[in-house]
C-alpha atoms as a PDB file:
ATOM      1  CA  MET A   1       0.000   0.000   0.000  1.00  0.00           C
ATOM      2  CA  SER A   2       1.436   3.391  -1.021  1.00  0.00           C
ATOM      3  CA  GLU A   3       2.166   6.064   1.551  1.00  0.00           C
ATOM      4  CA  ALA A   4      -0.374   8.831   2.008  1.00  0.00           C
ATOM      5  CA  ARG A   5       0.625  11.960   0.144  1.00  0.00           C
ATOM      6  CA  VAL A   6       0.381  15.369   1.839  1.00  0.00           C
ATOM      7  CA  SER A   7      -1.627  17.902  -0.157  1.00  0.00           C
ATOM      8  CA  PRO A   8       0.463  20.818  -1.533  1.00  0.00           C
ATOM      9  CA  VAL A   9      -2.205  23.186  -0.144  1.00  0.00           C
ATOM     10  CA  ILE A  10      -1.748  21.757   3.363  1.00  0.00           C
ATOM     11  CA  THR A  11       2.042  21.993   2.991  1.00  0.00           C
ATOM     12  CA  PHE A  12       1.737  25.630   1.894  1.00  0.00           C
ATOM     13  CA  ARG A  13      -0.571  26.476   4.803  1.00  0.00           C
ATOM     14  CA  ARG A  14       1.748  24.838   7.313  1.00  0.00           C
ATOM     15  CA  GLY A  15       4.759  26.663   5.915  1.00  0.00           C
ATOM     16  CA  LEU A  16       3.021  30.036   5.804  1.00  0.00           C
ATOM     17  CA  GLY A  17       1.511  29.724   9.244  1.00  0.00           C
ATOM     18  CA  SER A  18       4.454  28.257  11.154  1.00  0.00           C
ATOM     19  CA  GLY A  19       6.743  30.667  12.954  1.00  0.00           C
ATOM     20  CA  ALA A  20       7.654  34.232  12.061  1.00  0.00           C
ATOM     21  CA  TRP A  21       9.900  33.051   9.239  1.00  0.00           C
ATOM     22  CA  GLY A  22       6.861  32.297   7.059  1.00  0.00           C
ATOM     23  CA  TRP A  23       5.914  35.981   6.967  1.00  0.00           C
ATOM     24  CA  TRP A  24       9.460  37.186   6.310  1.00  0.00           C
ATOM     25  CA  LEU A  25       9.939  34.606   3.582  1.00  0.00           C
ATOM     26  CA  GLY A  26       6.706  35.778   1.948  1.00  0.00           C
ATOM     27  CA  ALA A  27       7.820  39.408   2.272  1.00  0.00           C
ATOM     28  CA  GLY A  28      11.099  38.539   0.566  1.00  0.00           C
ATOM     29  CA  ALA A  29       9.201  36.882  -2.278  1.00  0.00           C
ATOM     30  CA  ALA A  30       6.989  39.986  -2.605  1.00  0.00           C
ATOM     31  CA  ILE A  31      10.067  42.227  -2.817  1.00  0.00           C
ATOM     32  CA  ALA A  32      11.594  39.969  -5.483  1.00  0.00           C
ATOM     33  CA  ALA A  33       8.348  40.002  -7.485  1.00  0.00           C
ATOM     34  CA  GLY A  34       8.165  43.784  -7.140  1.00  0.00           C
ATOM     35  CA  ALA A  35      11.741  44.166  -8.391  1.00  0.00           C
ATOM     36  CA  GLY A  36      10.822  42.081 -11.435  1.00  0.00           C
ATOM     37  CA  LEU A  37       7.727  44.171 -12.184  1.00  0.00           C
ATOM     38  CA  ASP A  38       9.670  47.394 -11.651  1.00  0.00           C
ATOM     39  CA  ALA A  39      12.377  46.299 -14.087  1.00  0.00           C
ATOM     40  CA  ALA A  40       9.842  45.110 -16.658  1.00  0.00           C
ATOM     41  CA  SER A  41       7.873  48.354 -16.528  1.00  0.00           C
ATOM     42  CA  ARG A  42      11.080  50.347 -17.044  1.00  0.00           C
ATOM     43  CA  LEU A  43      12.701  48.183 -19.744  1.00  0.00           C
ATOM     44  CA  TRP A  44       9.652  47.062 -21.748  1.00  0.00           C
ATOM     45  CA  PRO A  45       6.848  49.549 -20.996  1.00  0.00           C
ATOM     46  CA  ALA A  46       5.163  49.017 -24.380  1.00  0.00           C
ATOM     47  CA  ARG A  47       4.946  45.279 -23.776  1.00  0.00           C
ATOM     48  CA  MET A  48       3.301  45.485 -20.383  1.00  0.00           C
ATOM     49  CA  PRO A  49      -0.245  44.056 -20.375  1.00  0.00           C
ATOM     50  CA  ALA A  50      -3.179  46.167 -19.247  1.00  0.00           C
ATOM     51  CA  ILE A  51      -3.050  44.549 -15.793  1.00  0.00           C
ATOM     52  CA  GLY A  52       0.631  45.434 -15.445  1.00  0.00           C
ATOM     53  CA  PRO A  53       1.789  48.664 -13.768  1.00  0.00           C
ATOM     54  CA  TYR A  54       1.761  51.812 -15.884  1.00  0.00           C
ATOM     55  CA  ALA A  55       4.267  53.427 -13.498  1.00  0.00           C
ATOM     56  CA  PHE A  56       5.417  50.941 -10.882  1.00  0.00           C
ATOM     57  CA  SER A  57       4.951  52.112  -7.291  1.00  0.00           C
ATOM     58  CA  TRP A  58       6.752  50.279  -4.524  1.00  0.00           C
ATOM     59  CA  TRP A  59       4.448  51.582  -1.799  1.00  0.00           C
ATOM     60  CA  VAL A  60       1.292  50.389  -3.586  1.00  0.00           C
ATOM     61  CA  PHE A  61       2.770  47.001  -4.457  1.00  0.00           C
ATOM     62  CA  LEU A  62       4.182  46.293  -1.007  1.00  0.00           C
ATOM     63  CA  ALA A  63       1.171  47.666   0.886  1.00  0.00           C
ATOM     64  CA  ALA A  64      -1.208  45.462  -1.081  1.00  0.00           C
ATOM     65  CA  GLY A  65       1.117  42.469  -1.201  1.00  0.00           C
ATOM     66  CA  LEU A  66       1.998  42.480   2.498  1.00  0.00           C
ATOM     67  CA  ALA A  67      -1.650  43.020   3.477  1.00  0.00           C
ATOM     68  CA  VAL A  68      -2.659  39.945   1.474  1.00  0.00           C
ATOM     69  CA  LEU A  69       0.318  37.975   2.818  1.00  0.00           C
ATOM     70  CA  THR A  70      -0.529  38.856   6.426  1.00  0.00           C
ATOM     71  CA  TYR A  71      -4.202  38.056   5.919  1.00  0.00           C
ATOM     72  CA  ALA A  72      -3.405  34.702   4.288  1.00  0.00           C
ATOM     73  CA  ARG A  73      -1.015  33.858   7.114  1.00  0.00           C
ATOM     74  CA  GLY A  74      -3.689  34.693   9.690  1.00  0.00           C
ATOM     75  CA  ILE A  75      -6.067  32.273   7.978  1.00  0.00           C
ATOM     76  CA  ALA A  76      -3.316  29.643   7.792  1.00  0.00           C
ATOM     77  CA  ARG A  77      -2.869  30.032  11.549  1.00  0.00           C
ATOM     78  CA  GLY A  78      -6.490  29.057  12.135  1.00  0.00           C
ATOM     79  CA  ILE A  79      -8.412  32.350  12.130  1.00  0.00           C
ATOM     80  CA  TRP A  80     -11.273  31.889   9.663  1.00  0.00           C
ATOM     81  CA  PRO A  81     -13.524  34.978   9.468  1.00  0.00           C
ATOM     82  CA  GLY A  82     -16.056  33.530   7.029  1.00  0.00           C
ATOM     83  CA  GLY A  83     -16.176  33.304   3.262  1.00  0.00           C
ATOM     84  CA  TRP A  84     -17.921  36.605   2.576  1.00  0.00           C
ATOM     85  CA  ARG A  85     -15.452  38.505   4.760  1.00  0.00           C
ATOM     86  CA  VAL A  86     -12.509  36.971   2.893  1.00  0.00           C
ATOM     87  CA  CYS A  87     -14.144  37.977  -0.403  1.00  0.00           C
ATOM     88  CA  ALA A  88     -14.783  41.532   0.859  1.00  0.00           C
ATOM     89  CA  PHE A  89     -11.180  41.950   1.997  1.00  0.00           C
ATOM     90  CA  ALA A  90      -9.711  40.533  -1.213  1.00  0.00           C
ATOM     91  CA  THR A  91     -12.045  42.613  -3.400  1.00  0.00           C
ATOM     92  CA  GLY A  92     -11.254  45.819  -1.514  1.00  0.00           C
ATOM     93  CA  ILE A  93      -7.493  45.323  -1.764  1.00  0.00           C
ATOM     94  CA  GLY A  94      -7.799  44.215  -5.385  1.00  0.00           C
ATOM     95  CA  LEU A  95      -9.810  47.287  -6.390  1.00  0.00           C
ATOM     96  CA  ILE A  96      -7.361  49.689  -4.736  1.00  0.00           C
ATOM     97  CA  TYR A  97      -4.425  47.931  -6.382  1.00  0.00           C
ATOM     98  CA  GLY A  98      -6.230  47.826  -9.727  1.00  0.00           C
ATOM     99  CA  VAL A  99      -6.852  51.567 -10.022  1.00  0.00           C
ATOM    100  CA  LEU A 100      -3.319  52.449  -8.892  1.00  0.00           C
ATOM    101  CA  GLN A 101      -1.084  49.798 -10.482  1.00  0.00           C
ATOM    102  CA  THR A 102      -2.614  48.895 -13.828  1.00  0.00           C
ATOM    103  CA  ARG A 103      -3.124  50.794 -17.063  1.00  0.00           C
ATOM    104  CA  PHE A 104      -6.167  52.378 -15.445  1.00  0.00           C
ATOM    105  CA  ASP A 105      -3.707  54.687 -13.681  1.00  0.00           C
ATOM    106  CA  TYR A 106      -2.609  56.022 -17.081  1.00  0.00           C
ATOM    107  CA  TRP A 107      -6.221  56.547 -18.145  1.00  0.00           C
ATOM    108  CA  ALA A 108      -7.000  58.337 -14.863  1.00  0.00           C
ATOM    109  CA  GLN A 109      -4.162  60.778 -15.562  1.00  0.00           C
ATOM    110  CA  HIS A 110      -5.802  61.773 -18.854  1.00  0.00           C
ATOM    111  CA  MET A 111      -9.436  62.232 -17.872  1.00  0.00           C
ATOM    112  CA  PHE A 112     -10.947  64.028 -14.884  1.00  0.00           C
ATOM    113  CA  THR A 113     -13.867  61.606 -14.650  1.00  0.00           C
ATOM    114  CA  LEU A 114     -11.496  58.648 -14.367  1.00  0.00           C
ATOM    115  CA  THR A 115      -9.450  60.495 -11.741  1.00  0.00           C
ATOM    116  CA  ARG A 116     -12.664  60.709  -9.768  1.00  0.00           C
ATOM    117  CA  VAL A 117     -13.306  56.982 -10.311  1.00  0.00           C
ATOM    118  CA  GLN A 118      -9.801  56.324  -8.994  1.00  0.00           C
ATOM    119  CA  HIS A 119     -10.436  58.371  -5.870  1.00  0.00           C
ATOM    120  CA  LEU A 120     -13.911  56.901  -5.414  1.00  0.00           C
ATOM    121  CA  VAL A 121     -12.279  53.478  -5.247  1.00  0.00           C
ATOM    122  CA  THR A 122      -9.248  54.422  -3.134  1.00  0.00           C
ATOM    123  CA  HIS A 123     -11.154  56.587  -0.649  1.00  0.00           C
ATOM    124  CA  HIS A 124     -14.585  54.955  -0.581  1.00  0.00           C
ATOM    125  CA  VAL A 125     -15.266  51.578  -2.155  1.00  0.00           C
ATOM    126  CA  GLY A 126     -11.975  49.759  -1.471  1.00  0.00           C
ATOM    127  CA  PRO A 127     -11.557  50.884   2.167  1.00  0.00           C
ATOM    128  CA  PHE A 128     -15.298  50.323   2.756  1.00  0.00           C
ATOM    129  CA  LEU A 129     -14.979  46.662   1.730  1.00  0.00           C
ATOM    130  CA  VAL A 130     -11.787  46.159   3.740  1.00  0.00           C
ATOM    131  CA  ALA A 131     -13.384  47.667   6.864  1.00  0.00           C
ATOM    132  CA  LEU A 132     -16.589  45.682   6.301  1.00  0.00           C
ATOM    133  CA  SER A 133     -14.533  42.465   6.395  1.00  0.00           C
ATOM    134  CA  GLU A 134     -13.384  43.369   9.956  1.00  0.00           C
ATOM    135  CA  PRO A 135      -9.885  41.997   9.303  1.00  0.00           C
ATOM    136  CA  GLY A 136      -8.252  42.986  12.605  1.00  0.00           C
ATOM    137  CA  ALA A 137      -8.137  39.531  14.227  1.00  0.00           C
ATOM    138  CA  VAL A 138      -6.902  37.834  11.044  1.00  0.00           C
ATOM    139  CA  LEU A 139      -4.201  40.453  10.418  1.00  0.00           C
ATOM    140  CA  ALA A 140      -3.067  40.347  14.057  1.00  0.00           C
ATOM    141  CA  ALA A 141      -2.714  36.569  13.869  1.00  0.00           C
ATOM    142  CA  GLY A 142      -0.789  36.867  10.606  1.00  0.00           C
ATOM    143  CA  LEU A 143       1.774  39.417  11.745  1.00  0.00           C
ATOM    144  CA  PRO A 144       5.101  38.195  13.151  1.00  0.00           C
ATOM    145  CA  PRO A 145       5.422  38.873  16.888  1.00  0.00           C
ATOM    146  CA  GLY A 146       7.777  41.844  16.545  1.00  0.00           C
ATOM    147  CA  LEU A 147       5.528  43.719  14.128  1.00  0.00           C
ATOM    148  CA  ARG A 148       2.471  42.784  16.196  1.00  0.00           C
ATOM    149  CA  ARG A 149       4.039  44.421  19.247  1.00  0.00           C
ATOM    150  CA  ILE A 150       4.811  47.569  17.247  1.00  0.00           C
ATOM    151  CA  ALA A 151       1.261  47.734  15.856  1.00  0.00           C
ATOM    152  CA  GLY A 152      -0.189  47.357  19.342  1.00  0.00           C
ATOM    153  CA  ALA A 153       2.200  49.764  21.068  1.00  0.00           C
ATOM    154  CA  GLY A 154       0.762  52.596  23.128  1.00  0.00           C
ATOM    155  CA  PRO A 155       1.947  55.478  20.891  1.00  0.00           C
ATOM    156  CA  VAL A 156       0.448  53.791  17.808  1.00  0.00           C
ATOM    157  CA  ARG A 157      -2.876  53.197  19.553  1.00  0.00           C
ATOM    158  CA  ARG A 158      -2.992  56.786  20.849  1.00  0.00           C
ATOM    159  CA  ALA A 159      -2.221  58.215  17.401  1.00  0.00           C
ATOM    160  CA  MET A 160      -4.972  56.091  15.870  1.00  0.00           C
ATOM    161  CA  ALA A 161      -7.417  57.182  18.576  1.00  0.00           C
ATOM    162  CA  ARG A 162      -6.683  60.857  17.876  1.00  0.00           C
ATOM    163  CA  LEU A 163      -7.044  60.465  14.119  1.00  0.00           C
ATOM    164  CA  GLN A 164     -10.305  58.559  14.629  1.00  0.00           C
ATOM    165  CA  TRP A 165     -11.821  61.103  17.015  1.00  0.00           C
ATOM    166  CA  PRO A 166     -15.208  61.406  15.232  1.00  0.00           C
ATOM    167  CA  PRO A 167     -15.245  65.187  14.528  1.00  0.00           C
ATOM    168  CA  LEU A 168     -11.655  65.102  13.241  1.00  0.00           C
ATOM    169  CA  ALA A 169     -12.279  61.913  11.262  1.00  0.00           C
ATOM    170  CA  ALA A 170     -15.278  63.518   9.529  1.00  0.00           C
ATOM    171  CA  VAL A 171     -13.361  66.716   8.720  1.00  0.00           C
ATOM    172  CA  LEU A 172     -10.389  64.782   7.358  1.00  0.00           C
ATOM    173  CA  PHE A 173     -12.615  62.476   5.340  1.00  0.00           C
ATOM    174  CA  VAL A 174     -14.437  65.284   3.551  1.00  0.00           C
ATOM    175  CA  GLY A 175     -11.560  67.773   3.629  1.00  0.00           C
ATOM    176  CA  LEU A 176      -9.045  65.573   1.837  1.00  0.00           C
ATOM    177  CA  ILE A 177     -11.447  65.035  -1.056  1.00  0.00           C
ATOM    178  CA  PHE A 178     -11.711  68.763  -1.694  1.00  0.00           C
ATOM    179  CA  VAL A 179      -8.090  69.644  -0.904  1.00  0.00           C
ATOM    180  CA  TRP A 180      -7.037  67.478  -3.851  1.00  0.00           C
ATOM    181  CA  LEU A 181      -9.800  69.072  -5.958  1.00  0.00           C
ATOM    182  CA  ILE A 182      -8.371  72.582  -5.631  1.00  0.00           C
ATOM    183  CA  PRO A 183      -7.411  73.272  -9.259  1.00  0.00           C
ATOM    184  CA  GLY A 184      -3.866  74.425  -8.522  1.00  0.00           C
ATOM    185  CA  VAL A 185      -3.210  71.562  -6.102  1.00  0.00           C
ATOM    186  CA  LEU A 186      -4.518  68.921  -8.506  1.00  0.00           C
ATOM    187  CA  PHE A 187      -2.535  70.453 -11.381  1.00  0.00           C
ATOM    188  CA  ARG A 188       0.683  70.233  -9.368  1.00  0.00           C
ATOM    189  CA  ALA A 189      -0.092  66.721  -8.071  1.00  0.00           C
ATOM    190  CA  MET A 190      -0.614  65.360 -11.582  1.00  0.00           C
ATOM    191  CA  LEU A 191       2.783  66.711 -12.683  1.00  0.00           C
ATOM    192  CA  ASP A 192       4.852  65.872  -9.573  1.00  0.00           C
ATOM    193  CA  THR A 193       5.268  62.109  -9.074  1.00  0.00           C
ATOM    194  CA  ARG A 194       5.979  62.476  -5.350  1.00  0.00           C
ATOM    195  CA  LEU A 195       2.927  64.663  -4.759  1.00  0.00           C
ATOM    196  CA  TYR A 196       0.854  62.301  -6.904  1.00  0.00           C
ATOM    197  CA  ALA A 197       1.958  59.380  -4.721  1.00  0.00           C
ATOM    198  CA  LEU A 198       1.152  61.399  -1.583  1.00  0.00           C
ATOM    199  CA  MET A 199      -2.306  62.208  -2.940  1.00  0.00           C
ATOM    200  CA  ASN A 200      -3.143  58.568  -3.593  1.00  0.00           C
ATOM    201  CA  ALA A 201      -1.593  57.336  -0.324  1.00  0.00           C
ATOM    202  CA  SER A 202      -3.516  59.927   1.705  1.00  0.00           C
ATOM    203  CA  MET A 203      -6.793  58.917   0.065  1.00  0.00           C
ATOM    204  CA  VAL A 204      -6.265  55.230   0.870  1.00  0.00           C
ATOM    205  CA  ALA A 205      -5.070  55.848   4.441  1.00  0.00           C
ATOM    206  CA  ASP A 206      -7.848  58.301   5.277  1.00  0.00           C
ATOM    207  CA  GLY A 207     -10.492  56.068   3.719  1.00  0.00           C
ATOM    208  CA  LEU A 208      -9.338  53.138   5.830  1.00  0.00           C
ATOM    209  CA  LEU A 209      -9.273  55.214   9.022  1.00  0.00           C
ATOM    210  CA  PHE A 210     -12.803  56.503   8.467  1.00  0.00           C
ATOM    211  CA  TRP A 211     -14.511  53.316   7.312  1.00  0.00           C
ATOM    212  CA  VAL A 212     -12.865  51.229  10.038  1.00  0.00           C
ATOM    213  CA  LEU A 213     -14.278  53.716  12.552  1.00  0.00           C
ATOM    214  CA  VAL A 214     -17.737  53.316  10.999  1.00  0.00           C
ATOM    215  CA  LEU A 215     -17.898  49.622  10.119  1.00  0.00           C
ATOM    216  CA  ASP A 216     -15.390  47.584  12.136  1.00  0.00           C
ATOM    217  CA  ARG A 217     -17.059  46.485  15.364  1.00  0.00           C
ATOM    218  CA  ASP A 218     -13.805  45.286  16.905  1.00  0.00           C
ATOM    219  CA  ALA A 219     -11.746  48.395  16.153  1.00  0.00           C
ATOM    220  CA  SER A 220     -14.323  51.087  16.987  1.00  0.00           C
ATOM    221  CA  ARG A 221     -16.016  51.940  20.272  1.00  0.00           C
ATOM    222  CA  LEU A 222     -18.695  54.150  18.737  1.00  0.00           C
ATOM    223  CA  SER A 223     -22.307  53.160  19.170  1.00  0.00           C
ATOM    224  CA  ILE A 224     -24.348  52.376  16.075  1.00  0.00           C
ATOM    225  CA  PRO A 225     -26.400  55.620  16.351  1.00  0.00           C
ATOM    226  CA  ALA A 226     -23.157  57.626  16.558  1.00  0.00           C
ATOM    227  CA  ARG A 227     -21.846  55.884  13.436  1.00  0.00           C
ATOM    228  CA  LEU A 228     -25.093  56.586  11.618  1.00  0.00           C
ATOM    229  CA  LEU A 229     -24.779  60.279  12.477  1.00  0.00           C
ATOM    230  CA  LEU A 230     -21.199  60.270  11.221  1.00  0.00           C
ATOM    231  CA  VAL A 231     -22.050  58.859   7.789  1.00  0.00           C
ATOM    232  CA  PHE A 232     -25.093  61.154   7.605  1.00  0.00           C
ATOM    233  CA  PHE A 233     -23.042  64.295   8.149  1.00  0.00           C
ATOM    234  CA  VAL A 234     -20.177  63.465   5.765  1.00  0.00           C
ATOM    235  CA  GLN A 235     -22.443  62.885   2.781  1.00  0.00           C
ATOM    236  CA  TRP A 236     -23.870  66.415   2.544  1.00  0.00           C
ATOM    237  CA  PRO A 237     -20.612  68.335   1.945  1.00  0.00           C
ATOM    238  CA  GLN A 238     -19.749  65.836  -0.794  1.00  0.00           C
ATOM    239  CA  ILE A 239     -23.155  66.249  -2.440  1.00  0.00           C
ATOM    240  CA  ALA A 240     -22.995  70.057  -2.220  1.00  0.00           C
ATOM    241  CA  GLY A 241     -19.358  70.290  -3.346  1.00  0.00           C
ATOM    242  CA  GLY A 242     -19.854  67.897  -6.238  1.00  0.00           C
ATOM    243  CA  ALA A 243     -22.957  69.750  -7.419  1.00  0.00           C
ATOM    244  CA  ALA A 244     -21.110  73.088  -7.255  1.00  0.00           C
ATOM    245  CA  ILE A 245     -18.189  71.786  -9.330  1.00  0.00           C
ATOM    246  CA  GLY A 246     -20.635  70.449 -11.923  1.00  0.00           C
ATOM    247  CA  PHE A 247     -22.168  73.897 -12.470  1.00  0.00           C
ATOM    248  CA  LEU A 248     -18.866  75.773 -12.725  1.00  0.00           C
ATOM    249  CA  ALA A 249     -16.888  76.498 -15.889  1.00  0.00           C
ATOM    250  CA  PRO A 250     -13.959  74.101 -16.573  1.00  0.00           C
ATOM    251  CA  LEU A 251     -11.537  74.256 -13.645  1.00  0.00           C
ATOM    252  CA  TYR A 252      -8.880  71.698 -14.533  1.00  0.00           C
ATOM    253  CA  PRO A 253      -6.670  72.689 -17.483  1.00  0.00           C
ATOM    254  CA  TYR A 254      -4.191  69.881 -16.788  1.00  0.00           C
ATOM    255  CA  TYR A 255      -6.280  67.413 -18.769  1.00  0.00           C
ATOM    256  CA  ALA A 256      -6.122  69.659 -21.845  1.00  0.00           C
ATOM    257  CA  TYR A 257      -2.333  70.018 -21.584  1.00  0.00           C
ATOM    258  CA  CYS A 258      -1.613  66.309 -21.077  1.00  0.00           C
ATOM    259  CA  GLY A 259      -3.921  65.198 -23.894  1.00  0.00           C
ATOM    260  CA  ARG A 260      -7.449  64.003 -23.271  1.00  0.00           C
ATOM    261  CA  LEU A 261      -8.099  60.284 -23.321  1.00  0.00           C
ATOM    262  CA  PHE A 262     -11.270  60.860 -25.349  1.00  0.00           C
ATOM    263  CA  PRO A 263     -10.927  64.096 -27.361  1.00  0.00           C
ATOM    264  CA  ALA A 264     -14.630  63.964 -28.245  1.00  0.00           C
ATOM    265  CA  VAL A 265     -15.518  64.517 -24.569  1.00  0.00           C
ATOM    266  CA  SER A 266     -15.317  68.244 -23.862  1.00  0.00           C
ATOM    267  CA  ALA A 267     -13.730  69.704 -20.755  1.00  0.00           C
ATOM    268  CA  GLN A 268     -17.151  70.796 -19.501  1.00  0.00           C
ATOM    269  CA  SER A 269     -18.700  67.350 -19.999  1.00  0.00           C
ATOM    270  CA  ASP A 270     -15.719  65.673 -18.373  1.00  0.00           C
ATOM    271  CA  GLN A 271     -16.003  67.957 -15.351  1.00  0.00           C
ATOM    272  CA  GLU A 272     -19.753  67.423 -15.079  1.00  0.00           C
ATOM    273  CA  MET A 273     -19.369  63.625 -15.134  1.00  0.00           C
ATOM    274  CA  GLY A 274     -16.599  63.814 -12.534  1.00  0.00           C
ATOM    275  CA  ALA A 275     -18.706  66.097 -10.355  1.00  0.00           C
ATOM    276  CA  PHE A 276     -21.585  63.642 -10.588  1.00  0.00           C
ATOM    277  CA  LEU A 277     -19.289  60.917  -9.213  1.00  0.00           C
ATOM    278  CA  ILE A 278     -18.314  63.165  -6.292  1.00  0.00           C
ATOM    279  CA  TRP A 279     -21.836  63.772  -5.055  1.00  0.00           C
ATOM    280  CA  PHE A 280     -23.375  60.492  -6.134  1.00  0.00           C
ATOM    281  CA  GLY A 281     -20.424  58.423  -4.871  1.00  0.00           C
ATOM    282  CA  GLY A 282     -20.422  60.136  -1.490  1.00  0.00           C
ATOM    283  CA  GLY A 283     -24.166  59.728  -1.100  1.00  0.00           C
ATOM    284  CA  MET A 284     -24.111  56.131  -2.334  1.00  0.00           C
ATOM    285  CA  MET A 285     -21.440  55.052   0.148  1.00  0.00           C
ATOM    286  CA  SER A 286     -23.217  56.757   3.045  1.00  0.00           C
ATOM    287  CA  VAL A 287     -26.438  54.961   2.097  1.00  0.00           C
ATOM    288  CA  ALA A 288     -24.562  51.632   1.903  1.00  0.00           C
ATOM    289  CA  ALA A 289     -22.979  52.221   5.309  1.00  0.00           C
ATOM    290  CA  SER A 290     -26.337  53.220   6.800  1.00  0.00           C
ATOM    291  CA  TYR A 291     -27.911  50.033   5.460  1.00  0.00           C
ATOM    292  CA  VAL A 292     -25.180  47.888   7.039  1.00  0.00           C
ATOM    293  CA  LEU A 293     -25.478  49.704  10.364  1.00  0.00           C
ATOM    294  CA  LEU A 294     -29.279  49.526  10.440  1.00  0.00           C
ATOM    295  CA  ARG A 295     -29.158  45.794   9.733  1.00  0.00           C
ATOM    296  CA  ARG A 296     -26.749  45.390  12.636  1.00  0.00           C
ATOM    297  CA  LEU A 297     -29.043  47.458  14.861  1.00  0.00           C
ATOM    298  CA  GLN A 298     -32.001  45.261  13.907  1.00  0.00           C
ATOM    299  CA  ALA A 299     -29.971  42.123  14.561  1.00  0.00           C
ATOM    300  CA  ALA A 300     -28.910  43.447  17.976  1.00  0.00           C
ATOM    301  CA  GLU A 301     -32.513  44.286  18.875  1.00  0.00           C
ATOM    302  CA  ALA A 302     -33.649  40.822  17.752  1.00  0.00           C
ATOM    303  CA  ARG A 303     -30.939  39.205  19.923  1.00  0.00           C
ATOM    304  CA  ASP A 304     -32.019  41.309  22.891  1.00  0.00           C
ATOM    305  CA  ALA A 305     -35.661  40.340  22.326  1.00  0.00           C
ATOM    306  CA  ARG A 306     -34.745  36.629  22.186  1.00  0.00           C
ATOM    307  CA  PHE A 307     -32.657  36.989  25.333  1.00  0.00           C
ATOM    308  CA  ARG A 308     -35.481  38.737  27.166  1.00  0.00           C
ATOM    309  CA  GLY A 309     -37.886  36.054  25.952  1.00  0.00           C
ATOM    310  CA  ARG A 310     -35.648  33.267  27.270  1.00  0.00           C
ATOM    311  CA  GLU A 311     -35.231  35.084  30.597  1.00  0.00           C
ATOM    312  CA  SER A 312     -38.995  35.539  30.892  1.00  0.00           C
ATOM    313  CA  ALA A 313     -39.655  31.875  30.053  1.00  0.00           C
ATOM    314  CA  SER A 314     -37.006  30.769  32.544  1.00  0.00           C
ATOM    315  CA  LEU A 315     -38.536  32.999  35.244  1.00  0.00           C
ATOM    316  CA  ARG A 316     -42.027  31.622  34.600  1.00  0.00           C
ATOM    317  CA  SER A 317     -40.692  28.081  34.717  1.00  0.00           C
ATOM    318  CA  GLU A 318     -38.905  28.765  37.996  1.00  0.00           C
ATOM    319  CA  GLN A 319     -42.014  30.328  39.476  1.00  0.00           C
ATOM    320  CA  GLY A 320     -44.085  27.325  38.337  1.00  0.00           C
ATOM    321  CA  ARG A 321     -41.736  24.911  40.104  1.00  0.00           C
ATOM    322  CA  ASN A 322     -41.941  26.953  43.300  1.00  0.00           C
ATOM    323  CA  LEU A 323     -45.752  26.988  43.476  1.00  0.00           C
ATOM    324  CA  PRO A 324     -47.159  24.981  46.397  1.00  0.00           C
ATOM    325  CA  VAL A 325     -48.852  21.694  45.554  1.00  0.00           C
ATOM    326  CA  ARG A 326     -52.537  21.601  46.660  1.00  0.00           C
END
């Protein structure tokens, strides 16, 4: 009788989940893969497929790659959050990576509407899905001990608490959208690669901070009504600001200088479509968050009602046992 063969998937999971070396080995592989993509995008840019990087960014590649590595290692170590949460996390990271490290990034630099799609994904949709997956426990299990201690250190926790103070979080969330929409600031950011990277990084980071505060039950201490108020208040400045931009004359000459992706689309039409995404996207994401929070509130009320019902039944049963026998 032949010996039982160990599945390659089981071998991979054991290797990834055992000891801190699994994470560091994966990080080394990610760096090697990034170096290959960086070299390919520099040496053979015309041959890169549409899913390849238009302009390779180490911070995007490593942030996405190490997040996925850490999450996979957490699952390999026995933390299973549920299939839909895994899908939400993977989709959120994939969308952020897709709009920043594929040919879409080139398209977004040549059309205002697509720039707004890029920011809608990096600031709203992608972070929303990541926060909805509530990945904290999985990521904590996947980090090597040294990095886990750094992430949980007092100064890091205090800095996060200050940035997620609800009034400041709301101001930052709305403010960053419109700071990068100031015509002169956007013009400079699209020409300066370092400022362009800062713009995209700030959108991702701020989106994650805000949506984790709203949606992640483990990482936020806010009550559900407080979260509902937060998403209610941040939608109106986006709706008003987007509507105002849509009614103004063309504000963004950069897209005329760099060459429009679709010359048939006028500057005014491009700006109007982009403005629509600002107000509609902001409103849409607030509605989605409100729906999630209201469902959680209903579920909590249903649990409380069942608990009270069991307590009442138990009390009646106890009282029935204590009645005197006639």
